[in-house]
Amino acid sequence: MKIIEKVAKLIDLKSIVTLILTGLLVYGLLANKFDPNDVMTIIVMVFTFYFAKKDTSKGDE
């Protein structure tokens, strides 16, 4: 049961949005629609925000 709960926590809205955005940017890069430097900048910003954001919904009091 703990494994299922951990997987459920990983699959939330922000992780889905991050994966979709990354997929779209990689597709655009491979289709030569974007400059590689721009894609890397956007991906780094998204992943930095995603992994650096502190979850405050648990009540750290």
PDB file of N, CA and C in Angstrom:
ATOM      1  N   MET A   1       0.817  -1.206   0.000  1.00  0.00           N
ATOM      2  CA  MET A   1       0.000   0.000   0.000  1.00  0.00           C
ATOM      3  C   MET A   1       0.855   1.262   0.000  1.00  0.00           C
ATOM      4  N   LYS A   2       2.014   1.233   0.642  1.00  0.00           N
ATOM      5  CA  LYS A   2       2.857   2.418   0.676  1.00  0.00           C
ATOM      6  C   LYS A   2       3.379   2.766  -0.710  1.00  0.00           C
ATOM      7  N   ILE A   3       3.657   1.758  -1.513  1.00  0.00           N
ATOM      8  CA  ILE A   3       4.152   2.014  -2.860  1.00  0.00           C
ATOM      9  C   ILE A   3       3.071   2.698  -3.691  1.00  0.00           C
ATOM     10  N   ILE A   4       1.843   2.236  -3.563  1.00  0.00           N
ATOM     11  CA  ILE A   4       0.736   2.839  -4.306  1.00  0.00           C
ATOM     12  C   ILE A   4       0.537   4.292  -3.889  1.00  0.00           C
ATOM     13  N   GLU A   5       0.645   4.578  -2.600  1.00  0.00           N
ATOM     14  CA  GLU A   5       0.497   5.954  -2.116  1.00  0.00           C
ATOM     15  C   GLU A   5       1.616   6.845  -2.645  1.00  0.00           C
ATOM     16  N   LYS A   6       2.845   6.327  -2.699  1.00  0.00           N
ATOM     17  CA  LYS A   6       3.962   7.113  -3.214  1.00  0.00           C
ATOM     18  C   LYS A   6       3.788   7.405  -4.699  1.00  0.00           C
ATOM     19  N   VAL A   7       3.326   6.416  -5.461  1.00  0.00           N
ATOM     20  CA  VAL A   7       3.092   6.625  -6.890  1.00  0.00           C
ATOM     21  C   VAL A   7       1.978   7.638  -7.092  1.00  0.00           C
ATOM     22  N   ALA A   8       0.939   7.567  -6.268  1.00  0.00           N
ATOM     23  CA  ALA A   8      -0.177   8.512  -6.377  1.00  0.00           C
ATOM     24  C   ALA A   8       0.287   9.934  -6.089  1.00  0.00           C
ATOM     25  N   LYS A   9       1.220  10.096  -5.156  1.00  0.00           N
ATOM     26  CA  LYS A   9       1.737  11.427  -4.861  1.00  0.00           C
ATOM     27  C   LYS A   9       2.570  11.971  -6.019  1.00  0.00           C
ATOM     28  N   LEU A  10       3.248  11.094  -6.736  1.00  0.00           N
ATOM     29  CA  LEU A  10       4.059  11.535  -7.873  1.00  0.00           C
ATOM     30  C   LEU A  10       3.202  11.988  -9.043  1.00  0.00           C
ATOM     31  N   ILE A  11       2.048  11.352  -9.182  1.00  0.00           N
ATOM     32  CA  ILE A  11       1.175  11.667 -10.316  1.00  0.00           C
ATOM     33  C   ILE A  11       0.142  12.688  -9.860  1.00  0.00           C
ATOM     34  N   ASP A  12       0.568  13.917  -9.794  1.00  0.00           N
ATOM     35  CA  ASP A  12      -0.369  14.989  -9.492  1.00  0.00           C
ATOM     36  C   ASP A  12      -0.336  15.982 -10.654  1.00  0.00           C
ATOM     37  N   LEU A  13      -1.082  17.012 -10.551  1.00  0.00           N
ATOM     38  CA  LEU A  13      -1.247  17.932 -11.670  1.00  0.00           C
ATOM     39  C   LEU A  13       0.060  18.572 -12.100  1.00  0.00           C
ATOM     40  N   LYS A  14       0.872  19.015 -11.142  1.00  0.00           N
ATOM     41  CA  LYS A  14       2.087  19.721 -11.548  1.00  0.00           C
ATOM     42  C   LYS A  14       3.093  18.795 -12.207  1.00  0.00           C
ATOM     43  N   SER A  15       3.135  17.529 -11.825  1.00  0.00           N
ATOM     44  CA  SER A  15       4.063  16.619 -12.497  1.00  0.00           C
ATOM     45  C   SER A  15       3.568  16.293 -13.906  1.00  0.00           C
ATOM     46  N   ILE A  16       2.265  16.180 -14.079  1.00  0.00           N
ATOM     47  CA  ILE A  16       1.708  15.934 -15.410  1.00  0.00           C
ATOM     48  C   ILE A  16       1.979  17.121 -16.325  1.00  0.00           C
ATOM     49  N   VAL A  17       1.772  18.329 -15.814  1.00  0.00           N
ATOM     50  CA  VAL A  17       2.029  19.529 -16.601  1.00  0.00           C
ATOM     51  C   VAL A  17       3.508  19.619 -16.955  1.00  0.00           C
ATOM     52  N   THR A  18       4.382  19.305 -16.015  1.00  0.00           N
ATOM     53  CA  THR A  18       5.820  19.343 -16.273  1.00  0.00           C
ATOM     54  C   THR A  18       6.214  18.354 -17.356  1.00  0.00           C
ATOM     55  N   LEU A  19       5.682  17.149 -17.304  1.00  0.00           N
ATOM     56  CA  LEU A  19       6.011  16.144 -18.304  1.00  0.00           C
ATOM     57  C   LEU A  19       5.473  16.531 -19.686  1.00  0.00           C
ATOM     58  N   ILE A  20       4.266  17.071 -19.740  1.00  0.00           N
ATOM     59  CA  ILE A  20       3.696  17.496 -21.018  1.00  0.00           C
ATOM     60  C   ILE A  20       4.508  18.648 -21.602  1.00  0.00           C
ATOM     61  N   LEU A  21       4.858  19.627 -20.767  1.00  0.00           N
ATOM     62  CA  LEU A  21       5.643  20.761 -21.242  1.00  0.00           C
ATOM     63  C   LEU A  21       7.004  20.309 -21.753  1.00  0.00           C
ATOM     64  N   THR A  22       7.649  19.415 -21.029  1.00  0.00           N
ATOM     65  CA  THR A  22       8.947  18.902 -21.461  1.00  0.00           C
ATOM     66  C   THR A  22       8.821  18.154 -22.781  1.00  0.00           C
ATOM     67  N   GLY A  23       7.787  17.337 -22.916  1.00  0.00           N
ATOM     68  CA  GLY A  23       7.568  16.614 -24.160  1.00  0.00           C
ATOM     69  C   GLY A  23       7.347  17.548 -25.334  1.00  0.00           C
ATOM     70  N   LEU A  24       6.546  18.594 -25.137  1.00  0.00           N
ATOM     71  CA  LEU A  24       6.292  19.557 -26.203  1.00  0.00           C
ATOM     72  C   LEU A  24       7.558  20.315 -26.592  1.00  0.00           C
ATOM     73  N   LEU A  25       8.355  20.672 -25.604  1.00  0.00           N
ATOM     74  CA  LEU A  25       9.586  21.394 -25.905  1.00  0.00           C
ATOM     75  C   LEU A  25      10.592  20.509 -26.634  1.00  0.00           C
ATOM     76  N   VAL A  26      10.674  19.247 -26.245  1.00  0.00           N
ATOM     77  CA  VAL A  26      11.576  18.323 -26.940  1.00  0.00           C
ATOM     78  C   VAL A  26      11.101  18.112 -28.375  1.00  0.00           C
ATOM     79  N   TYR A  27       9.800  17.965 -28.559  1.00  0.00           N
ATOM     80  CA  TYR A  27       9.253  17.825 -29.914  1.00  0.00           C
ATOM     81  C   TYR A  27       9.583  19.066 -30.751  1.00  0.00           C
ATOM     82  N   GLY A  28       9.375  20.242 -30.181  1.00  0.00           N
ATOM     83  CA  GLY A  28       9.683  21.470 -30.898  1.00  0.00           C
ATOM     84  C   GLY A  28      11.160  21.586 -31.223  1.00  0.00           C
ATOM     85  N   LEU A  29      12.004  21.116 -30.336  1.00  0.00           N
ATOM     86  CA  LEU A  29      13.442  21.133 -30.587  1.00  0.00           C
ATOM     87  C   LEU A  29      13.801  20.191 -31.723  1.00  0.00           C
ATOM     88  N   LEU A  30      13.235  18.986 -31.708  1.00  0.00           N
ATOM     89  CA  LEU A  30      13.536  18.013 -32.759  1.00  0.00           C
ATOM     90  C   LEU A  30      12.965  18.427 -34.110  1.00  0.00           C
ATOM     91  N   ALA A  31      11.871  19.174 -34.092  1.00  0.00           N
ATOM     92  CA  ALA A  31      11.257  19.635 -35.339  1.00  0.00           C
ATOM     93  C   ALA A  31      11.840  20.976 -35.797  1.00  0.00           C
ATOM     94  N   ASN A  32      12.895  21.422 -35.125  1.00  0.00           N
ATOM     95  CA  ASN A  32      13.572  22.686 -35.446  1.00  0.00           C
ATOM     96  C   ASN A  32      12.646  23.895 -35.363  1.00  0.00           C
ATOM     97  N   LYS A  33      11.738  23.888 -34.408  1.00  0.00           N
ATOM     98  CA  LYS A  33      10.837  25.022 -34.204  1.00  0.00           C
ATOM     99  C   LYS A  33      11.386  25.981 -33.150  1.00  0.00           C
ATOM    100  N   PHE A  34      12.299  25.499 -32.307  1.00  0.00           N
ATOM    101  CA  PHE A  34      12.870  26.311 -31.225  1.00  0.00           C
ATOM    102  C   PHE A  34      14.387  26.281 -31.305  1.00  0.00           C
ATOM    103  N   ASP A  35      14.995  27.302 -30.741  1.00  0.00           N
ATOM    104  CA  ASP A  35      16.440  27.333 -30.582  1.00  0.00           C
ATOM    105  C   ASP A  35      16.809  26.442 -29.384  1.00  0.00           C
ATOM    106  N   PRO A  36      17.824  25.598 -29.499  1.00  0.00           N
ATOM    107  CA  PRO A  36      18.187  24.701 -28.384  1.00  0.00           C
ATOM    108  C   PRO A  36      18.484  25.441 -27.082  1.00  0.00           C
ATOM    109  N   ASN A  37      19.065  26.624 -27.147  1.00  0.00           N
ATOM    110  CA  ASN A  37      19.346  27.379 -25.918  1.00  0.00           C
ATOM    111  C   ASN A  37      18.062  27.814 -25.228  1.00  0.00           C
ATOM    112  N   ASP A  38      17.054  28.191 -25.999  1.00  0.00           N
ATOM    113  CA  ASP A  38      15.776  28.580 -25.413  1.00  0.00           C
ATOM    114  C   ASP A  38      15.098  27.393 -24.736  1.00  0.00           C
ATOM    115  N   VAL A  39      15.153  26.234 -25.377  1.00  0.00           N
ATOM    116  CA  VAL A  39      14.534  25.035 -24.807  1.00  0.00           C
ATOM    117  C   VAL A  39      15.208  24.664 -23.494  1.00  0.00           C
ATOM    118  N   MET A  40      16.524  24.696 -23.471  1.00  0.00           N
ATOM    119  CA  MET A  40      17.240  24.344 -22.240  1.00  0.00           C
ATOM    120  C   MET A  40      16.913  25.329 -21.118  1.00  0.00           C
ATOM    121  N   THR A  41      16.808  26.610 -21.445  1.00  0.00           N
ATOM    122  CA  THR A  41      16.468  27.615 -20.440  1.00  0.00           C
ATOM    123  C   THR A  41      15.092  27.352 -19.850  1.00  0.00           C
ATOM    124  N   ILE A  42      14.122  27.065 -20.699  1.00  0.00           N
ATOM    125  CA  ILE A  42      12.759  26.819 -20.226  1.00  0.00           C
ATOM    126  C   ILE A  42      12.695  25.552 -19.391  1.00  0.00           C
ATOM    127  N   ILE A  43      13.337  24.489 -19.843  1.00  0.00           N
ATOM    128  CA  ILE A  43      13.301  23.224 -19.095  1.00  0.00           C
ATOM    129  C   ILE A  43      13.980  23.377 -17.737  1.00  0.00           C
ATOM    130  N   VAL A  44      15.090  24.076 -17.691  1.00  0.00           N
ATOM    131  CA  VAL A  44      15.778  24.290 -16.409  1.00  0.00           C
ATOM    132  C   VAL A  44      14.892  25.103 -15.462  1.00  0.00           C
ATOM    133  N   MET A  45      14.207  26.117 -15.983  1.00  0.00           N
ATOM    134  CA  MET A  45      13.324  26.913 -15.134  1.00  0.00           C
ATOM    135  C   MET A  45      12.180  26.074 -14.582  1.00  0.00           C
ATOM    136  N   VAL A  46      11.569  25.253 -15.422  1.00  0.00           N
ATOM    137  CA  VAL A  46      10.434  24.434 -14.983  1.00  0.00           C
ATOM    138  C   VAL A  46      10.879  23.426 -13.929  1.00  0.00           C
ATOM    139  N   PHE A  47      11.969  22.712 -14.203  1.00  0.00           N
ATOM    140  CA  PHE A  47      12.430  21.711 -13.253  1.00  0.00           C
ATOM    141  C   PHE A  47      12.935  22.340 -11.960  1.00  0.00           C
ATOM    142  N   THR A  48      13.564  23.492 -12.035  1.00  0.00           N
ATOM    143  CA  THR A  48      14.007  24.180 -10.819  1.00  0.00           C
ATOM    144  C   THR A  48      12.813  24.566  -9.964  1.00  0.00           C
ATOM    145  N   PHE A  49      11.786  25.116 -10.592  1.00  0.00           N
ATOM    146  CA  PHE A  49      10.592  25.471  -9.836  1.00  0.00           C
ATOM    147  C   PHE A  49       9.938  24.235  -9.239  1.00  0.00           C
ATOM    148  N   TYR A  50       9.849  23.175 -10.032  1.00  0.00           N
ATOM    149  CA  TYR A  50       9.166  21.967  -9.584  1.00  0.00           C
ATOM    150  C   TYR A  50       9.880  21.315  -8.400  1.00  0.00           C
ATOM    151  N   PHE A  51      11.210  21.226  -8.453  1.00  0.00           N
ATOM    152  CA  PHE A  51      11.942  20.535  -7.399  1.00  0.00           C
ATOM    153  C   PHE A  51      12.322  21.438  -6.235  1.00  0.00           C
ATOM    154  N   ALA A  52      12.330  22.756  -6.414  1.00  0.00           N
ATOM    155  CA  ALA A  52      12.719  23.657  -5.338  1.00  0.00           C
ATOM    156  C   ALA A  52      11.521  24.141  -4.530  1.00  0.00           C
ATOM    157  N   LYS A  53      10.327  24.007  -5.067  1.00  0.00           N
ATOM    158  CA  LYS A  53       9.129  24.485  -4.372  1.00  0.00           C
ATOM    159  C   LYS A  53       8.866  23.630  -3.144  1.00  0.00           C
ATOM    160  N   LYS A  54       8.745  24.271  -2.016  1.00  0.00           N
ATOM    161  CA  LYS A  54       8.497  23.584  -0.762  1.00  0.00           C
ATOM    162  C   LYS A  54       6.989  23.346  -0.616  1.00  0.00           C
ATOM    163  N   ASP A  55       6.631  22.126  -0.247  1.00  0.00           N
ATOM    164  CA  ASP A  55       5.222  21.801  -0.050  1.00  0.00           C
ATOM    165  C   ASP A  55       4.789  22.289   1.330  1.00  0.00           C
ATOM    166  N   THR A  56       3.973  23.342   1.344  1.00  0.00           N
ATOM    167  CA  THR A  56       3.534  23.933   2.614  1.00  0.00           C
ATOM    168  C   THR A  56       2.145  23.474   3.010  1.00  0.00           C
ATOM    169  N   SER A  57       1.568  22.550   2.273  1.00  0.00           N
ATOM    170  CA  SER A  57       0.205  22.115   2.580  1.00  0.00           C
ATOM    171  C   SER A  57       0.151  21.193   3.793  1.00  0.00           C
ATOM    172  N   LYS A  58       1.279  20.692   4.263  1.00  0.00           N
ATOM    173  CA  LYS A  58       1.300  19.764   5.396  1.00  0.00           C
ATOM    174  C   LYS A  58       1.270  20.487   6.732  1.00  0.00           C
ATOM    175  N   GLY A  59       1.491  21.793   6.753  1.00  0.00           N
ATOM    176  CA  GLY A  59       1.451  22.560   7.991  1.00  0.00           C
ATOM    177  C   GLY A  59       2.729  22.408   8.797  1.00  0.00           C
ATOM    178  N   ASP A  60       3.766  23.095   8.416  1.00  0.00           N
ATOM    179  CA  ASP A  60       5.060  23.004   9.095  1.00  0.00           C
ATOM    180  C   ASP A  60       5.098  23.939  10.302  1.00  0.00           C
ATOM    181  N   GLU A  61       4.239  23.737  11.239  1.00  0.00           N
ATOM    182  CA  GLU A  61       4.179  24.639  12.392  1.00  0.00           C
ATOM    183  C   GLU A  61       4.878  24.039  13.576  1.00  0.00           C
TER     184      GLU A  61
END
